[in-house]
């Protein structure tokens, strides 16, 4: 278990692949996650990269000003549907695209993204809705 902020930062910045792996797979104390998110914005991407981060921390990271952090949250295979719903409102194409293709994306998020201005995102969302047997909304014409 990662017990301190300093330990997590050391693991992330290490040249040792085993230590870097620990920063990705090892759990941390709740107060460590909170301190990293609150006091170390440069570490938020790496917090989002950790596979054990609790949902309440992911929810904070899902509204981070840095698109790479939100992208990392959306790319998590186990990302909760409620967080994907939140991320479906993201204006960054890369984040929207990940949500549109995510297996956990709720139908409401996919319907929203089916109207997204970038065709790659809207087509992906429409395809997912169709695969689920749902009728996609009609995209407004230009």
N, C-alpha and C. Protein backbone atom coordinates (compact mmCIF):
# COMPACT_ATOMS: atom_id res chain seq x y z
N UNK A 1 0.85 -1.19 0.00
CA UNK A 1 0.00 0.00 0.00
C UNK A 1 0.89 1.25 0.00
N UNK A 2 0.46 2.22 -0.78
CA UNK A 2 1.16 3.50 -0.82
C UNK A 2 0.65 4.32 0.36
N UNK A 3 1.57 4.72 1.24
CA UNK A 3 1.15 5.33 2.50
C UNK A 3 1.34 6.84 2.57
N UNK A 4 2.11 7.42 1.64
CA UNK A 4 2.33 8.87 1.70
C UNK A 4 2.31 9.46 0.29
N UNK A 5 2.08 10.76 0.24
CA UNK A 5 2.14 11.50 -1.02
C UNK A 5 3.55 11.39 -1.59
N UNK A 6 4.53 11.56 -0.75
CA UNK A 6 5.93 11.50 -1.22
C UNK A 6 6.25 10.14 -1.83
N UNK A 7 5.72 9.08 -1.25
CA UNK A 7 5.97 7.74 -1.79
C UNK A 7 5.36 7.62 -3.19
N UNK A 8 4.12 8.08 -3.37
CA UNK A 8 3.48 8.00 -4.68
C UNK A 8 4.28 8.79 -5.71
N UNK A 9 4.67 10.01 -5.37
CA UNK A 9 5.43 10.84 -6.31
C UNK A 9 6.76 10.16 -6.66
N UNK A 10 7.42 9.59 -5.66
CA UNK A 10 8.68 8.89 -5.91
C UNK A 10 8.46 7.72 -6.87
N UNK A 11 7.38 6.98 -6.69
CA UNK A 11 7.09 5.84 -7.56
C UNK A 11 6.82 6.30 -9.00
N UNK A 12 6.03 7.36 -9.15
CA UNK A 12 5.72 7.88 -10.48
C UNK A 12 6.97 8.36 -11.19
N UNK A 13 7.86 9.00 -10.48
CA UNK A 13 9.05 9.59 -11.08
C UNK A 13 10.24 8.64 -11.16
N UNK A 14 10.07 7.43 -10.68
CA UNK A 14 11.16 6.47 -10.66
C UNK A 14 11.53 5.98 -12.06
N UNK A 15 12.79 5.66 -12.22
CA UNK A 15 13.27 5.04 -13.47
C UNK A 15 13.09 3.53 -13.43
N UNK A 16 12.77 2.99 -12.27
CA UNK A 16 12.61 1.56 -12.09
C UNK A 16 11.20 1.14 -12.55
N UNK A 17 11.09 0.29 -13.57
CA UNK A 17 9.78 -0.12 -14.07
C UNK A 17 8.89 -0.76 -13.00
N UNK A 18 9.49 -1.48 -12.06
CA UNK A 18 8.69 -2.10 -10.99
C UNK A 18 8.06 -1.05 -10.09
N UNK A 19 8.80 0.00 -9.80
CA UNK A 19 8.24 1.07 -8.98
C UNK A 19 7.16 1.83 -9.74
N UNK A 20 7.39 2.09 -11.02
CA UNK A 20 6.36 2.76 -11.84
C UNK A 20 5.09 1.91 -11.85
N UNK A 21 5.25 0.60 -11.97
CA UNK A 21 4.10 -0.31 -11.96
C UNK A 21 3.34 -0.21 -10.64
N UNK A 22 4.07 -0.09 -9.55
CA UNK A 22 3.41 0.08 -8.24
C UNK A 22 2.53 1.32 -8.23
N UNK A 23 2.98 2.40 -8.85
CA UNK A 23 2.19 3.63 -8.88
C UNK A 23 0.89 3.44 -9.66
N UNK A 24 0.85 2.44 -10.50
CA UNK A 24 -0.32 2.16 -11.32
C UNK A 24 -1.27 1.17 -10.67
N UNK A 25 -0.74 0.21 -9.94
CA UNK A 25 -1.56 -0.90 -9.46
C UNK A 25 -1.78 -0.95 -7.96
N UNK A 26 -1.01 -0.22 -7.20
CA UNK A 26 -1.10 -0.33 -5.75
C UNK A 26 -2.07 0.69 -5.16
N UNK A 27 -2.82 0.26 -4.18
CA UNK A 27 -3.78 1.13 -3.50
C UNK A 27 -3.04 2.12 -2.60
N UNK A 28 -3.73 3.19 -2.28
CA UNK A 28 -3.18 4.19 -1.35
C UNK A 28 -4.25 4.52 -0.32
N UNK A 29 -3.80 5.09 0.76
CA UNK A 29 -4.73 5.53 1.80
C UNK A 29 -5.61 6.66 1.23
N UNK A 30 -6.86 6.75 1.65
CA UNK A 30 -7.75 7.80 1.14
C UNK A 30 -7.17 9.21 1.28
N UNK A 31 -6.51 9.48 2.40
CA UNK A 31 -5.95 10.81 2.61
C UNK A 31 -4.80 11.10 1.64
N UNK A 32 -4.14 10.05 1.15
CA UNK A 32 -3.07 10.24 0.16
C UNK A 32 -3.68 10.69 -1.16
N UNK A 33 -4.75 10.01 -1.61
CA UNK A 33 -5.40 10.41 -2.86
C UNK A 33 -5.89 11.85 -2.76
N UNK A 34 -6.51 12.17 -1.64
CA UNK A 34 -7.07 13.53 -1.46
C UNK A 34 -5.95 14.57 -1.51
N UNK A 35 -4.86 14.33 -0.80
CA UNK A 35 -3.75 15.29 -0.79
C UNK A 35 -3.11 15.43 -2.18
N UNK A 36 -2.99 14.32 -2.90
CA UNK A 36 -2.43 14.39 -4.26
C UNK A 36 -3.31 15.24 -5.16
N UNK A 37 -4.60 15.02 -5.12
CA UNK A 37 -5.53 15.76 -5.98
C UNK A 37 -5.59 17.23 -5.57
N UNK A 38 -5.64 17.48 -4.28
CA UNK A 38 -5.78 18.86 -3.79
C UNK A 38 -4.50 19.68 -3.90
N UNK A 39 -3.36 19.07 -3.61
CA UNK A 39 -2.12 19.83 -3.46
C UNK A 39 -1.08 19.61 -4.56
N UNK A 40 -1.31 18.65 -5.42
CA UNK A 40 -0.31 18.31 -6.45
C UNK A 40 -0.99 18.14 -7.81
N UNK A 41 -1.44 19.23 -8.42
CA UNK A 41 -2.15 19.11 -9.71
C UNK A 41 -1.32 18.41 -10.79
N UNK A 42 -0.01 18.50 -10.69
CA UNK A 42 0.86 17.84 -11.68
C UNK A 42 0.80 16.32 -11.57
N UNK A 43 0.24 15.80 -10.49
CA UNK A 43 0.13 14.36 -10.26
C UNK A 43 -1.26 13.81 -10.59
N UNK A 44 -2.20 14.68 -10.94
CA UNK A 44 -3.58 14.22 -11.17
C UNK A 44 -3.67 13.20 -12.30
N UNK A 45 -2.92 13.40 -13.37
CA UNK A 45 -2.92 12.42 -14.45
C UNK A 45 -2.49 11.05 -13.92
N UNK A 46 -1.46 11.05 -13.09
CA UNK A 46 -0.93 9.78 -12.57
C UNK A 46 -1.88 9.17 -11.54
N UNK A 47 -2.59 9.99 -10.81
CA UNK A 47 -3.62 9.47 -9.91
C UNK A 47 -4.70 8.79 -10.75
N UNK A 48 -5.13 9.43 -11.82
CA UNK A 48 -6.15 8.85 -12.70
C UNK A 48 -5.66 7.56 -13.34
N UNK A 49 -4.36 7.43 -13.50
CA UNK A 49 -3.75 6.25 -14.11
C UNK A 49 -3.76 5.05 -13.15
N UNK A 50 -3.84 5.29 -11.87
CA UNK A 50 -3.83 4.21 -10.89
C UNK A 50 -5.14 3.44 -10.96
N UNK A 51 -5.06 2.11 -10.98
CA UNK A 51 -6.23 1.25 -11.15
C UNK A 51 -7.09 1.11 -9.90
N UNK A 52 -6.62 1.59 -8.76
CA UNK A 52 -7.35 1.38 -7.51
C UNK A 52 -8.02 2.64 -6.98
N UNK A 53 -7.91 3.74 -7.70
CA UNK A 53 -8.45 5.02 -7.22
C UNK A 53 -9.96 4.89 -7.01
N UNK A 54 -10.45 5.33 -5.86
CA UNK A 54 -11.89 5.22 -5.60
C UNK A 54 -12.73 6.14 -6.48
N UNK A 55 -13.99 5.78 -6.63
CA UNK A 55 -14.90 6.52 -7.51
C UNK A 55 -15.01 7.99 -7.13
N UNK A 56 -15.00 8.31 -5.84
CA UNK A 56 -15.14 9.72 -5.44
C UNK A 56 -13.95 10.56 -5.92
N UNK A 57 -12.78 9.95 -6.02
CA UNK A 57 -11.61 10.66 -6.56
C UNK A 57 -11.73 10.77 -8.08
N UNK A 58 -12.19 9.71 -8.73
CA UNK A 58 -12.39 9.77 -10.18
C UNK A 58 -13.39 10.86 -10.55
N UNK A 59 -14.41 11.03 -9.73
CA UNK A 59 -15.43 12.06 -9.99
C UNK A 59 -14.79 13.46 -9.97
N UNK A 60 -13.86 13.68 -9.06
CA UNK A 60 -13.14 14.97 -9.01
C UNK A 60 -12.26 15.12 -10.24
N UNK A 61 -11.56 14.05 -10.61
CA UNK A 61 -10.67 14.11 -11.76
C UNK A 61 -11.43 14.26 -13.08
N UNK A 62 -12.67 13.82 -13.11
CA UNK A 62 -13.49 13.91 -14.33
C UNK A 62 -13.83 15.35 -14.71
N UNK A 63 -13.64 16.28 -13.79
CA UNK A 63 -13.89 17.69 -14.09
C UNK A 63 -12.61 18.52 -14.01
N UNK A 64 -11.48 17.84 -14.07
CA UNK A 64 -10.19 18.52 -14.00
C UNK A 64 -10.04 19.46 -15.20
N UNK A 65 -9.41 20.63 -15.02
CA UNK A 65 -9.22 21.55 -16.15
C UNK A 65 -8.32 20.99 -17.25
N UNK A 66 -7.48 20.03 -16.94
CA UNK A 66 -6.55 19.46 -17.92
C UNK A 66 -7.24 18.31 -18.67
N UNK A 67 -7.37 18.43 -19.98
CA UNK A 67 -8.08 17.42 -20.76
C UNK A 67 -7.42 16.05 -20.66
N UNK A 68 -6.10 16.00 -20.52
CA UNK A 68 -5.41 14.70 -20.42
C UNK A 68 -5.85 13.92 -19.19
N UNK A 69 -6.16 14.62 -18.11
CA UNK A 69 -6.63 13.94 -16.90
C UNK A 69 -8.02 13.36 -17.16
N UNK A 70 -8.91 14.16 -17.76
CA UNK A 70 -10.26 13.68 -18.07
C UNK A 70 -10.20 12.53 -19.07
N UNK A 71 -9.29 12.63 -20.03
CA UNK A 71 -9.10 11.57 -21.02
C UNK A 71 -8.69 10.27 -20.33
N UNK A 72 -7.79 10.39 -19.39
CA UNK A 72 -7.32 9.19 -18.68
C UNK A 72 -8.46 8.55 -17.88
N UNK A 73 -9.29 9.38 -17.26
CA UNK A 73 -10.45 8.84 -16.53
C UNK A 73 -11.38 8.11 -17.49
N UNK A 74 -11.68 8.73 -18.63
CA UNK A 74 -12.60 8.13 -19.60
C UNK A 74 -12.04 6.84 -20.21
N UNK A 75 -10.73 6.70 -20.23
CA UNK A 75 -10.12 5.52 -20.85
C UNK A 75 -10.08 4.31 -19.92
N UNK A 76 -10.48 4.49 -18.68
CA UNK A 76 -10.46 3.38 -17.74
C UNK A 76 -11.53 2.36 -18.12
N UNK A 77 -11.13 1.13 -18.27
CA UNK A 77 -12.06 0.06 -18.64
C UNK A 77 -13.20 -0.06 -17.64
N UNK A 78 -12.91 0.16 -16.38
CA UNK A 78 -13.92 0.01 -15.34
C UNK A 78 -14.54 1.35 -14.92
N UNK A 79 -14.45 2.35 -15.77
CA UNK A 79 -14.99 3.66 -15.43
C UNK A 79 -16.50 3.53 -15.16
N UNK A 80 -16.96 4.01 -14.02
CA UNK A 80 -18.39 3.89 -13.70
C UNK A 80 -19.26 4.70 -14.67
N UNK A 81 -20.45 4.20 -14.93
CA UNK A 81 -21.34 4.84 -15.90
C UNK A 81 -21.70 6.27 -15.49
N UNK A 82 -21.82 6.54 -14.20
CA UNK A 82 -22.13 7.90 -13.75
C UNK A 82 -21.04 8.89 -14.11
N UNK A 83 -19.82 8.45 -14.05
CA UNK A 83 -18.70 9.32 -14.43
C UNK A 83 -18.65 9.49 -15.95
N UNK A 84 -18.96 8.42 -16.68
CA UNK A 84 -19.03 8.54 -18.13
C UNK A 84 -20.16 9.48 -18.55
N UNK A 85 -21.26 9.45 -17.81
CA UNK A 85 -22.36 10.39 -18.08
C UNK A 85 -21.84 11.83 -17.94
N UNK A 86 -21.12 12.07 -16.86
CA UNK A 86 -20.54 13.40 -16.64
C UNK A 86 -19.57 13.77 -17.77
N UNK A 87 -18.71 12.84 -18.15
CA UNK A 87 -17.72 13.08 -19.19
C UNK A 87 -18.34 13.21 -20.59
N UNK A 88 -19.57 12.76 -20.76
CA UNK A 88 -20.21 12.88 -22.07
C UNK A 88 -20.51 14.34 -22.42
N UNK A 89 -20.41 15.22 -21.44
CA UNK A 89 -20.58 16.65 -21.67
C UNK A 89 -19.26 17.36 -21.99
N UNK A 90 -18.17 16.61 -22.00
CA UNK A 90 -16.85 17.19 -22.22
C UNK A 90 -16.75 17.76 -23.64
N UNK A 91 -16.11 18.90 -23.76
CA UNK A 91 -15.98 19.54 -25.07
C UNK A 91 -14.71 19.13 -25.81
N UNK A 92 -13.85 18.36 -25.18
CA UNK A 92 -12.63 17.91 -25.86
C UNK A 92 -12.97 16.67 -26.70
N UNK A 93 -12.65 16.73 -27.98
CA UNK A 93 -12.99 15.65 -28.90
C UNK A 93 -12.46 14.29 -28.44
N UNK A 94 -11.27 14.26 -27.92
CA UNK A 94 -10.65 13.01 -27.51
C UNK A 94 -11.41 12.37 -26.35
N UNK A 95 -11.83 13.18 -25.40
CA UNK A 95 -12.59 12.67 -24.25
C UNK A 95 -13.96 12.19 -24.73
N UNK A 96 -14.63 13.00 -25.54
CA UNK A 96 -15.94 12.62 -26.06
C UNK A 96 -15.87 11.32 -26.86
N UNK A 97 -14.82 11.15 -27.63
CA UNK A 97 -14.66 9.95 -28.44
C UNK A 97 -14.51 8.71 -27.56
N UNK A 98 -13.74 8.83 -26.50
CA UNK A 98 -13.59 7.69 -25.58
C UNK A 98 -14.91 7.32 -24.94
N UNK A 99 -15.67 8.31 -24.52
CA UNK A 99 -16.96 8.02 -23.90
C UNK A 99 -17.90 7.37 -24.91
N UNK A 100 -17.91 7.87 -26.14
CA UNK A 100 -18.80 7.33 -27.17
C UNK A 100 -18.52 5.86 -27.45
N UNK A 101 -17.30 5.44 -27.30
CA UNK A 101 -16.94 4.05 -27.56
C UNK A 101 -16.84 3.18 -26.32
N UNK A 102 -17.10 3.74 -25.16
CA UNK A 102 -16.91 3.00 -23.90
C UNK A 102 -18.06 2.02 -23.67
N UNK A 103 -17.76 0.77 -23.34
CA UNK A 103 -18.83 -0.21 -23.11
C UNK A 103 -19.73 0.12 -21.92
N UNK A 104 -19.25 0.91 -20.97
CA UNK A 104 -20.06 1.26 -19.80
C UNK A 104 -20.84 2.56 -19.97
N UNK A 105 -20.70 3.21 -21.12
CA UNK A 105 -21.39 4.49 -21.32
C UNK A 105 -22.90 4.26 -21.28
N UNK A 106 -23.60 5.04 -20.46
CA UNK A 106 -25.05 4.88 -20.42
C UNK A 106 -25.69 5.40 -21.71
N UNK A 107 -26.86 4.89 -21.99
CA UNK A 107 -27.57 5.28 -23.22
C UNK A 107 -27.80 6.78 -23.29
N UNK A 108 -28.08 7.41 -22.17
CA UNK A 108 -28.31 8.86 -22.17
C UNK A 108 -27.06 9.60 -22.65
N UNK A 109 -25.89 9.13 -22.26
CA UNK A 109 -24.64 9.75 -22.71
C UNK A 109 -24.43 9.50 -24.21
N UNK A 110 -24.74 8.30 -24.65
CA UNK A 110 -24.57 7.99 -26.07
C UNK A 110 -25.54 8.80 -26.93
N UNK A 111 -26.77 8.99 -26.46
CA UNK A 111 -27.73 9.81 -27.21
C UNK A 111 -27.22 11.25 -27.33
N UNK A 112 -26.64 11.77 -26.27
CA UNK A 112 -26.07 13.12 -26.31
C UNK A 112 -24.91 13.17 -27.31
N UNK A 113 -24.05 12.17 -27.25
CA UNK A 113 -22.88 12.16 -28.13
C UNK A 113 -23.24 11.83 -29.58
N UNK A 114 -24.39 11.24 -29.82
CA UNK A 114 -24.84 10.98 -31.18
C UNK A 114 -25.09 12.29 -31.94
N UNK A 115 -25.21 13.38 -31.20
CA UNK A 115 -25.41 14.70 -31.81
C UNK A 115 -24.13 15.54 -31.76
N UNK A 116 -23.03 14.93 -31.39
CA UNK A 116 -21.76 15.64 -31.26
C UNK A 116 -21.34 16.18 -32.63
N UNK A 117 -20.74 17.37 -32.68
CA UNK A 117 -20.39 17.98 -33.97
C UNK A 117 -19.34 17.21 -34.79
N UNK A 118 -18.45 16.48 -34.14
CA UNK A 118 -17.42 15.75 -34.89
C UNK A 118 -17.97 14.38 -35.26
N UNK A 119 -18.00 14.07 -36.54
CA UNK A 119 -18.61 12.83 -37.03
C UNK A 119 -18.01 11.58 -36.41
N UNK A 120 -16.71 11.57 -36.15
CA UNK A 120 -16.10 10.38 -35.56
C UNK A 120 -16.74 10.04 -34.22
N UNK A 121 -17.06 11.05 -33.44
CA UNK A 121 -17.70 10.83 -32.14
C UNK A 121 -19.16 10.43 -32.32
N UNK A 122 -19.88 11.19 -33.11
CA UNK A 122 -21.32 10.91 -33.27
C UNK A 122 -21.55 9.54 -33.90
N UNK A 123 -20.74 9.17 -34.89
CA UNK A 123 -20.91 7.86 -35.52
C UNK A 123 -20.61 6.72 -34.56
N UNK A 124 -19.62 6.92 -33.73
CA UNK A 124 -19.28 5.89 -32.73
C UNK A 124 -20.44 5.72 -31.74
N UNK A 125 -21.02 6.82 -31.29
CA UNK A 125 -22.14 6.76 -30.35
C UNK A 125 -23.36 6.11 -31.00
N UNK A 126 -23.63 6.48 -32.24
CA UNK A 126 -24.77 5.90 -32.96
C UNK A 126 -24.58 4.39 -33.13
N UNK A 127 -23.37 3.99 -33.47
CA UNK A 127 -23.06 2.56 -33.62
C UNK A 127 -23.29 1.81 -32.31
N UNK A 128 -22.86 2.39 -31.20
CA UNK A 128 -23.05 1.72 -29.90
C UNK A 128 -24.54 1.61 -29.56
N UNK A 129 -25.30 2.68 -29.81
CA UNK A 129 -26.74 2.63 -29.56
C UNK A 129 -27.40 1.57 -30.42
N UNK A 130 -27.04 1.54 -31.69
CA UNK A 130 -27.61 0.56 -32.62
C UNK A 130 -27.27 -0.86 -32.18
N UNK A 131 -26.03 -1.08 -31.76
CA UNK A 131 -25.62 -2.41 -31.28
C UNK A 131 -26.44 -2.84 -30.06
N UNK A 132 -26.90 -1.87 -29.29
CA UNK A 132 -27.73 -2.16 -28.11
C UNK A 132 -29.20 -2.32 -28.47
N UNK A 133 -29.51 -2.13 -29.74
CA UNK A 133 -30.89 -2.24 -30.18
C UNK A 133 -31.71 -0.99 -29.89
N UNK A 134 -31.04 0.13 -29.69
CA UNK A 134 -31.73 1.39 -29.39
C UNK A 134 -31.71 2.28 -30.61
N UNK A 135 -32.74 3.07 -30.74
CA UNK A 135 -32.84 4.00 -31.86
C UNK A 135 -32.07 5.27 -31.52
N UNK A 136 -31.04 5.60 -32.32
CA UNK A 136 -30.29 6.84 -32.04
C UNK A 136 -31.11 8.06 -32.42
N UNK A 137 -30.84 9.19 -31.78
CA UNK A 137 -31.53 10.42 -32.14
C UNK A 137 -31.05 10.90 -33.50
N UNK A 138 -31.85 11.74 -34.11
CA UNK A 138 -31.48 12.33 -35.40
C UNK A 138 -30.54 13.50 -35.13
N UNK A 139 -29.41 13.47 -35.81
CA UNK A 139 -28.41 14.53 -35.66
C UNK A 139 -28.87 15.75 -36.45
N UNK A 140 -28.81 16.91 -35.81
CA UNK A 140 -29.19 18.15 -36.49
C UNK A 140 -28.27 18.37 -37.68
N UNK A 141 -28.83 18.78 -38.79
CA UNK A 141 -28.04 19.06 -39.99
C UNK A 141 -27.31 20.37 -39.88
N UNK A 142 -26.27 20.53 -40.69
CA UNK A 142 -25.49 21.77 -40.69
C UNK A 142 -26.08 22.75 -41.66
